[in-house]
């Protein structure tokens, strides 16, 4: 996908395919800032866009969330600060390709590898990421959309000397939309490619071959 084929403004930004100004969001940047926080009702531009969405037959949930806001941050100013704090990174070109790891070709180098995991698997991957040390901070849970945790944060970590994995699908909106597909007990764990290879190499000598893990998964 690229910025023109990705139909969701948030996803295009989350995969580093578009800038973070959100000018293409209905009503522009200011409406987006209010959408994530306090909502767009009660001010002139917001009310005008609400009416436009009604006239266009927008889905009920979209209209309700645009009007009331998602309440993910306390104010629109805090949303603006959060946007500015997001890393500037991209998948390595003007598009992103998402495919199963088994389909990666010999001449391709992924940016990151993402897992959809239950609580036990999340625990295992977190321990495995920290297995070789040093320190105990090889995994982080940043605030962001599902796409941002799959893409932007992981792409940024891939550029660091000491890359960390990202736990995601903590976004309430993403969990709502994916609950029927994935269920309620799934999170994501995304490891930059170099960290993934390190984890894979360490797996045979780790807890994965020991009593507790084998007993849990049998």
C-alpha atoms as a PDB file:
ATOM      1  CA  UNK A   1       0.000   0.000   0.000  1.00  0.00           C
ATOM      2  CA  UNK A   2       0.987   3.633  -0.444  1.00  0.00           C
ATOM      3  CA  UNK A   3      -0.483   6.917   0.730  1.00  0.00           C
ATOM      4  CA  UNK A   4      -3.015   6.978  -2.109  1.00  0.00           C
ATOM      5  CA  UNK A   5      -4.244   3.379  -1.763  1.00  0.00           C
ATOM      6  CA  UNK A   6      -4.553   3.414   2.040  1.00  0.00           C
ATOM      7  CA  UNK A   7      -8.137   4.503   2.704  1.00  0.00           C
ATOM      8  CA  UNK A   8      -7.578   5.296   6.398  1.00  0.00           C
ATOM      9  CA  UNK A   9      -5.745   8.551   7.173  1.00  0.00           C
ATOM     10  CA  UNK A  10      -4.557   7.180  10.500  1.00  0.00           C
ATOM     11  CA  UNK A  11      -3.139   4.031   8.916  1.00  0.00           C
ATOM     12  CA  UNK A  12      -1.273   5.971   6.228  1.00  0.00           C
ATOM     13  CA  UNK A  13       0.380   7.973   8.979  1.00  0.00           C
ATOM     14  CA  UNK A  14       0.875   4.933  11.186  1.00  0.00           C
ATOM     15  CA  UNK A  15       2.867   3.137   8.494  1.00  0.00           C
ATOM     16  CA  UNK A  16       4.976   6.231   7.748  1.00  0.00           C
ATOM     17  CA  UNK A  17       3.418   6.733   4.305  1.00  0.00           C
ATOM     18  CA  UNK A  18       2.110  10.249   4.872  1.00  0.00           C
ATOM     19  CA  UNK A  19       2.990  13.296   6.918  1.00  0.00           C
ATOM     20  CA  UNK A  20       1.530  13.792  10.365  1.00  0.00           C
ATOM     21  CA  UNK A  21      -0.398  16.984   9.657  1.00  0.00           C
ATOM     22  CA  UNK A  22      -3.698  15.116   9.054  1.00  0.00           C
ATOM     23  CA  UNK A  23      -4.873  17.769   6.590  1.00  0.00           C
ATOM     24  CA  UNK A  24      -6.796  15.102   4.656  1.00  0.00           C
ATOM     25  CA  UNK A  25      -8.950  14.202   7.674  1.00  0.00           C
ATOM     26  CA  UNK A  26     -12.579  15.444   7.448  1.00  0.00           C
ATOM     27  CA  UNK A  27     -12.443  19.056   8.555  1.00  0.00           C
ATOM     28  CA  UNK A  28      -8.643  19.092   8.584  1.00  0.00           C
ATOM     29  CA  UNK A  29      -6.095  18.927  11.352  1.00  0.00           C
ATOM     30  CA  UNK A  30      -8.112  20.751  14.021  1.00  0.00           C
ATOM     31  CA  UNK A  31     -11.035  18.362  13.635  1.00  0.00           C
ATOM     32  CA  UNK A  32      -8.633  15.424  13.957  1.00  0.00           C
ATOM     33  CA  UNK A  33      -7.143  16.849  17.163  1.00  0.00           C
ATOM     34  CA  UNK A  34     -10.634  17.148  18.604  1.00  0.00           C
ATOM     35  CA  UNK A  35     -11.656  13.737  17.217  1.00  0.00           C
ATOM     36  CA  UNK A  36      -9.039  11.992  19.384  1.00  0.00           C
ATOM     37  CA  UNK A  37      -9.932  14.043  22.442  1.00  0.00           C
ATOM     38  CA  UNK A  38     -12.932  16.265  23.215  1.00  0.00           C
ATOM     39  CA  UNK A  39     -15.005  15.900  20.048  1.00  0.00           C
ATOM     40  CA  UNK A  40     -16.171  18.312  17.365  1.00  0.00           C
ATOM     41  CA  UNK A  41     -19.548  19.394  18.638  1.00  0.00           C
ATOM     42  CA  UNK A  42     -20.049  22.942  19.888  1.00  0.00           C
ATOM     43  CA  UNK A  43     -17.747  24.824  17.517  1.00  0.00           C
ATOM     44  CA  UNK A  44     -18.538  26.224  14.097  1.00  0.00           C
ATOM     45  CA  UNK A  45     -16.202  24.230  11.866  1.00  0.00           C
ATOM     46  CA  UNK A  46     -16.884  21.014  13.708  1.00  0.00           C
ATOM     47  CA  UNK A  47     -20.662  21.408  13.490  1.00  0.00           C
ATOM     48  CA  UNK A  48     -20.396  22.100   9.754  1.00  0.00           C
ATOM     49  CA  UNK A  49     -18.413  18.903   9.170  1.00  0.00           C
ATOM     50  CA  UNK A  50     -20.819  16.924  11.355  1.00  0.00           C
ATOM     51  CA  UNK A  51     -23.657  18.043   9.094  1.00  0.00           C
ATOM     52  CA  UNK A  52     -21.615  17.143   5.991  1.00  0.00           C
ATOM     53  CA  UNK A  53     -21.025  13.656   7.382  1.00  0.00           C
ATOM     54  CA  UNK A  54     -24.740  13.260   8.119  1.00  0.00           C
ATOM     55  CA  UNK A  55     -25.638  14.375   4.591  1.00  0.00           C
ATOM     56  CA  UNK A  56     -23.107  11.910   3.150  1.00  0.00           C
ATOM     57  CA  UNK A  57     -24.644   9.025   5.108  1.00  0.00           C
ATOM     58  CA  UNK A  58     -21.575   8.374   7.277  1.00  0.00           C
ATOM     59  CA  UNK A  59     -21.781   5.248   9.470  1.00  0.00           C
ATOM     60  CA  UNK A  60     -23.316   5.822  12.902  1.00  0.00           C
ATOM     61  CA  UNK A  61     -20.172   4.963  14.835  1.00  0.00           C
ATOM     62  CA  UNK A  62     -18.024   7.315  12.750  1.00  0.00           C
ATOM     63  CA  UNK A  63     -20.510  10.130  13.208  1.00  0.00           C
ATOM     64  CA  UNK A  64     -20.775   9.516  16.958  1.00  0.00           C
ATOM     65  CA  UNK A  65     -17.018   9.356  17.533  1.00  0.00           C
ATOM     66  CA  UNK A  66     -16.395  12.417  15.357  1.00  0.00           C
ATOM     67  CA  UNK A  67     -19.026  14.319  17.316  1.00  0.00           C
ATOM     68  CA  UNK A  68     -18.220  13.214  20.878  1.00  0.00           C
ATOM     69  CA  UNK A  69     -14.522  12.461  20.412  1.00  0.00           C
ATOM     70  CA  UNK A  70     -12.709   9.263  21.278  1.00  0.00           C
ATOM     71  CA  UNK A  71     -11.401  10.604  24.581  1.00  0.00           C
ATOM     72  CA  UNK A  72      -7.908   9.151  24.195  1.00  0.00           C
ATOM     73  CA  UNK A  73      -6.237  12.350  25.410  1.00  0.00           C
ATOM     74  CA  UNK A  74      -7.585  15.066  27.699  1.00  0.00           C
ATOM     75  CA  UNK A  75      -7.383  17.962  25.246  1.00  0.00           C
ATOM     76  CA  UNK A  76      -6.782  18.734  21.585  1.00  0.00           C
ATOM     77  CA  UNK A  77      -3.561  20.514  22.566  1.00  0.00           C
ATOM     78  CA  UNK A  78      -2.252  17.269  24.045  1.00  0.00           C
ATOM     79  CA  UNK A  79      -3.095  15.460  20.802  1.00  0.00           C
ATOM     80  CA  UNK A  80      -1.040  18.066  18.915  1.00  0.00           C
ATOM     81  CA  UNK A  81       1.871  17.514  21.303  1.00  0.00           C
ATOM     82  CA  UNK A  82       1.564  13.741  20.856  1.00  0.00           C
ATOM     83  CA  UNK A  83       1.629  14.090  17.066  1.00  0.00           C
ATOM     84  CA  UNK A  84       4.777  16.179  17.253  1.00  0.00           C
ATOM     85  CA  UNK A  85       6.420  13.585  19.496  1.00  0.00           C
ATOM     86  CA  UNK A  86       5.834  10.722  17.039  1.00  0.00           C
ATOM     87  CA  UNK A  87       9.024   9.499  15.326  1.00  0.00           C
ATOM     88  CA  UNK A  88       9.607  10.387  11.707  1.00  0.00           C
ATOM     89  CA  UNK A  89      10.273   7.061  10.033  1.00  0.00           C
ATOM     90  CA  UNK A  90       9.095   5.141   6.976  1.00  0.00           C
ATOM     91  CA  UNK A  91       9.153   1.568   5.657  1.00  0.00           C
ATOM     92  CA  UNK A  92      12.106   2.349   3.386  1.00  0.00           C
ATOM     93  CA  UNK A  93      10.194   3.716   0.415  1.00  0.00           C
ATOM     94  CA  UNK A  94       6.872   5.219  -0.691  1.00  0.00           C
ATOM     95  CA  UNK A  95       4.962   2.009   0.055  1.00  0.00           C
ATOM     96  CA  UNK A  96       4.652  -0.718   2.678  1.00  0.00           C
ATOM     97  CA  UNK A  97       4.327  -4.434   1.968  1.00  0.00           C
ATOM     98  CA  UNK A  98       2.792  -6.722   4.582  1.00  0.00           C
ATOM     99  CA  UNK A  99       3.093 -10.466   4.026  1.00  0.00           C
ATOM    100  CA  UNK A 100       3.762 -13.726   5.878  1.00  0.00           C
ATOM    101  CA  UNK A 101       7.337 -14.253   7.003  1.00  0.00           C
ATOM    102  CA  UNK A 102       7.494 -17.537   5.059  1.00  0.00           C
ATOM    103  CA  UNK A 103       6.975 -15.571   1.825  1.00  0.00           C
ATOM    104  CA  UNK A 104       9.998 -13.287   2.322  1.00  0.00           C
ATOM    105  CA  UNK A 105      12.406 -13.737  -0.595  1.00  0.00           C
ATOM    106  CA  UNK A 106      16.143 -14.240  -0.219  1.00  0.00           C
ATOM    107  CA  UNK A 107      16.934 -10.741  -1.479  1.00  0.00           C
ATOM    108  CA  UNK A 108      14.364  -9.031   0.782  1.00  0.00           C
ATOM    109  CA  UNK A 109      15.075  -7.655   4.254  1.00  0.00           C
ATOM    110  CA  UNK A 110      11.981  -6.907   6.348  1.00  0.00           C
ATOM    111  CA  UNK A 111      11.852  -3.856   8.566  1.00  0.00           C
ATOM    112  CA  UNK A 112      10.030  -5.716  11.316  1.00  0.00           C
ATOM    113  CA  UNK A 113       8.189  -8.923  12.187  1.00  0.00           C
ATOM    114  CA  UNK A 114       4.785  -8.714  13.887  1.00  0.00           C
ATOM    115  CA  UNK A 115       3.096 -11.413  15.948  1.00  0.00           C
ATOM    116  CA  UNK A 116      -0.527 -11.608  17.070  1.00  0.00           C
ATOM    117  CA  UNK A 117      -0.303 -13.202  20.492  1.00  0.00           C
ATOM    118  CA  UNK A 118      -2.228 -14.426  23.501  1.00  0.00           C
ATOM    119  CA  UNK A 119      -1.024 -13.517  27.038  1.00  0.00           C
ATOM    120  CA  UNK A 120       1.272 -16.546  27.358  1.00  0.00           C
ATOM    121  CA  UNK A 121       2.892 -15.879  23.985  1.00  0.00           C
ATOM    122  CA  UNK A 122       3.284 -12.187  24.801  1.00  0.00           C
ATOM    123  CA  UNK A 123       5.043 -13.127  28.023  1.00  0.00           C
ATOM    124  CA  UNK A 124       7.349 -15.515  26.184  1.00  0.00           C
ATOM    125  CA  UNK A 125       8.325 -13.001  23.505  1.00  0.00           C
ATOM    126  CA  UNK A 126       8.960 -10.309  26.118  1.00  0.00           C
ATOM    127  CA  UNK A 127      11.258 -12.614  28.102  1.00  0.00           C
ATOM    128  CA  UNK A 128      13.011 -13.816  24.936  1.00  0.00           C
ATOM    129  CA  UNK A 129      13.669 -10.232  23.780  1.00  0.00           C
ATOM    130  CA  UNK A 130      15.378  -9.510  27.113  1.00  0.00           C
ATOM    131  CA  UNK A 131      17.145 -12.898  27.315  1.00  0.00           C
ATOM    132  CA  UNK A 132      20.611 -11.794  26.093  1.00  0.00           C
ATOM    133  CA  UNK A 133      20.651  -8.499  27.999  1.00  0.00           C
ATOM    134  CA  UNK A 134      22.040  -6.080  28.843  1.00  0.00           C
ATOM    135  CA  UNK A 135      19.320  -4.395  30.816  1.00  0.00           C
ATOM    136  CA  UNK A 136      15.629  -5.219  31.041  1.00  0.00           C
ATOM    137  CA  UNK A 137      14.148  -2.700  28.596  1.00  0.00           C
ATOM    138  CA  UNK A 138      14.051  -4.424  25.199  1.00  0.00           C
ATOM    139  CA  UNK A 139      10.251  -4.102  24.967  1.00  0.00           C
ATOM    140  CA  UNK A 140       8.074  -0.982  25.199  1.00  0.00           C
ATOM    141  CA  UNK A 141       4.363  -0.120  25.190  1.00  0.00           C
ATOM    142  CA  UNK A 142       4.015   3.362  23.657  1.00  0.00           C
ATOM    143  CA  UNK A 143       0.703   5.138  23.307  1.00  0.00           C
ATOM    144  CA  UNK A 144      -0.538   4.983  19.740  1.00  0.00           C
ATOM    145  CA  UNK A 145      -2.865   3.449  17.205  1.00  0.00           C
ATOM    146  CA  UNK A 146      -2.702  -0.186  16.185  1.00  0.00           C
ATOM    147  CA  UNK A 147      -1.059   0.800  12.891  1.00  0.00           C
ATOM    148  CA  UNK A 148       1.485   3.059  14.576  1.00  0.00           C
ATOM    149  CA  UNK A 149       2.625   0.192  16.807  1.00  0.00           C
ATOM    150  CA  UNK A 150       2.918  -2.162  13.810  1.00  0.00           C
ATOM    151  CA  UNK A 151       4.640   0.466  11.663  1.00  0.00           C
ATOM    152  CA  UNK A 152       6.004   3.844  12.718  1.00  0.00           C
ATOM    153  CA  UNK A 153       7.334   2.890  16.158  1.00  0.00           C
ATOM    154  CA  UNK A 154       8.869  -0.343  14.871  1.00  0.00           C
ATOM    155  CA  UNK A 155      10.460   1.415  11.867  1.00  0.00           C
ATOM    156  CA  UNK A 156      11.986   3.960  14.228  1.00  0.00           C
ATOM    157  CA  UNK A 157      13.329   1.274  16.556  1.00  0.00           C
ATOM    158  CA  UNK A 158      14.834  -0.552  13.578  1.00  0.00           C
ATOM    159  CA  UNK A 159      17.106   2.456  13.035  1.00  0.00           C
ATOM    160  CA  UNK A 160      18.470   2.410  16.605  1.00  0.00           C
ATOM    161  CA  UNK A 161      21.681   0.764  17.817  1.00  0.00           C
ATOM    162  CA  UNK A 162      19.715  -1.022  20.552  1.00  0.00           C
ATOM    163  CA  UNK A 163      16.300  -1.707  18.969  1.00  0.00           C
ATOM    164  CA  UNK A 164      13.307  -2.547  21.124  1.00  0.00           C
ATOM    165  CA  UNK A 165      10.149  -4.486  20.351  1.00  0.00           C
ATOM    166  CA  UNK A 166       6.726  -2.828  20.464  1.00  0.00           C
ATOM    167  CA  UNK A 167       3.635  -4.198  22.209  1.00  0.00           C
ATOM    168  CA  UNK A 168       0.537  -2.965  20.404  1.00  0.00           C
ATOM    169  CA  UNK A 169      -3.192  -3.379  19.803  1.00  0.00           C
ATOM    170  CA  UNK A 170      -3.684  -1.473  23.033  1.00  0.00           C
ATOM    171  CA  UNK A 171      -5.633   1.085  20.968  1.00  0.00           C
ATOM    172  CA  UNK A 172      -9.260   0.858  22.138  1.00  0.00           C
ATOM    173  CA  UNK A 173     -10.582   1.749  18.678  1.00  0.00           C
ATOM    174  CA  UNK A 174      -8.487  -0.945  16.976  1.00  0.00           C
ATOM    175  CA  UNK A 175      -9.567  -3.502  19.581  1.00  0.00           C
ATOM    176  CA  UNK A 176     -13.216  -2.605  18.992  1.00  0.00           C
ATOM    177  CA  UNK A 177     -12.995  -3.033  15.226  1.00  0.00           C
ATOM    178  CA  UNK A 178     -10.897  -6.216  15.375  1.00  0.00           C
ATOM    179  CA  UNK A 179     -12.669  -7.953  18.259  1.00  0.00           C
ATOM    180  CA  UNK A 180     -14.892 -10.049  15.979  1.00  0.00           C
ATOM    181  CA  UNK A 181     -11.904 -11.087  13.860  1.00  0.00           C
ATOM    182  CA  UNK A 182      -9.224 -11.661  16.494  1.00  0.00           C
ATOM    183  CA  UNK A 183     -11.188 -12.082  19.705  1.00  0.00           C
ATOM    184  CA  UNK A 184     -10.648 -10.215  22.947  1.00  0.00           C
ATOM    185  CA  UNK A 185      -7.411 -11.811  24.208  1.00  0.00           C
ATOM    186  CA  UNK A 186      -4.986 -10.817  21.436  1.00  0.00           C
ATOM    187  CA  UNK A 187      -2.239  -8.178  21.464  1.00  0.00           C
ATOM    188  CA  UNK A 188       0.555  -7.537  18.990  1.00  0.00           C
ATOM    189  CA  UNK A 189       4.305  -7.866  19.450  1.00  0.00           C
ATOM    190  CA  UNK A 190       6.433  -6.281  16.719  1.00  0.00           C
ATOM    191  CA  UNK A 191      10.188  -6.801  16.650  1.00  0.00           C
ATOM    192  CA  UNK A 192      12.568  -4.908  14.360  1.00  0.00           C
ATOM    193  CA  UNK A 193      14.277  -7.367  12.012  1.00  0.00           C
ATOM    194  CA  UNK A 194      17.652  -7.430  13.771  1.00  0.00           C
ATOM    195  CA  UNK A 195      16.015  -8.005  17.144  1.00  0.00           C
ATOM    196  CA  UNK A 196      13.852 -10.770  15.678  1.00  0.00           C
ATOM    197  CA  UNK A 197      16.926 -12.561  14.313  1.00  0.00           C
ATOM    198  CA  UNK A 198      18.634 -12.254  17.698  1.00  0.00           C
ATOM    199  CA  UNK A 199      15.570 -13.696  19.452  1.00  0.00           C
ATOM    200  CA  UNK A 200      15.368 -16.561  16.973  1.00  0.00           C
ATOM    201  CA  UNK A 201      19.058 -17.398  17.446  1.00  0.00           C
ATOM    202  CA  UNK A 202      18.698 -17.399  21.239  1.00  0.00           C
ATOM    203  CA  UNK A 203      15.520 -19.492  21.340  1.00  0.00           C
ATOM    204  CA  UNK A 204      17.169 -22.966  21.539  1.00  0.00           C
ATOM    205  CA  UNK A 205      19.066 -22.155  24.749  1.00  0.00           C
ATOM    206  CA  UNK A 206      16.274 -20.189  26.398  1.00  0.00           C
ATOM    207  CA  UNK A 207      13.337 -21.061  28.640  1.00  0.00           C
ATOM    208  CA  UNK A 208      11.447 -22.246  25.528  1.00  0.00           C
ATOM    209  CA  UNK A 209      13.176 -25.627  25.944  1.00  0.00           C
ATOM    210  CA  UNK A 210      12.592 -25.848  29.701  1.00  0.00           C
ATOM    211  CA  UNK A 211       9.957 -27.394  31.944  1.00  0.00           C
ATOM    212  CA  UNK A 212       7.662 -24.443  32.736  1.00  0.00           C
ATOM    213  CA  UNK A 213       7.102 -23.328  29.152  1.00  0.00           C
ATOM    214  CA  UNK A 214       6.778 -26.826  27.717  1.00  0.00           C
ATOM    215  CA  UNK A 215       4.285 -27.726  30.437  1.00  0.00           C
ATOM    216  CA  UNK A 216       2.226 -24.574  29.853  1.00  0.00           C
ATOM    217  CA  UNK A 217       1.932 -25.197  26.105  1.00  0.00           C
ATOM    218  CA  UNK A 218       1.387 -28.956  26.189  1.00  0.00           C
END
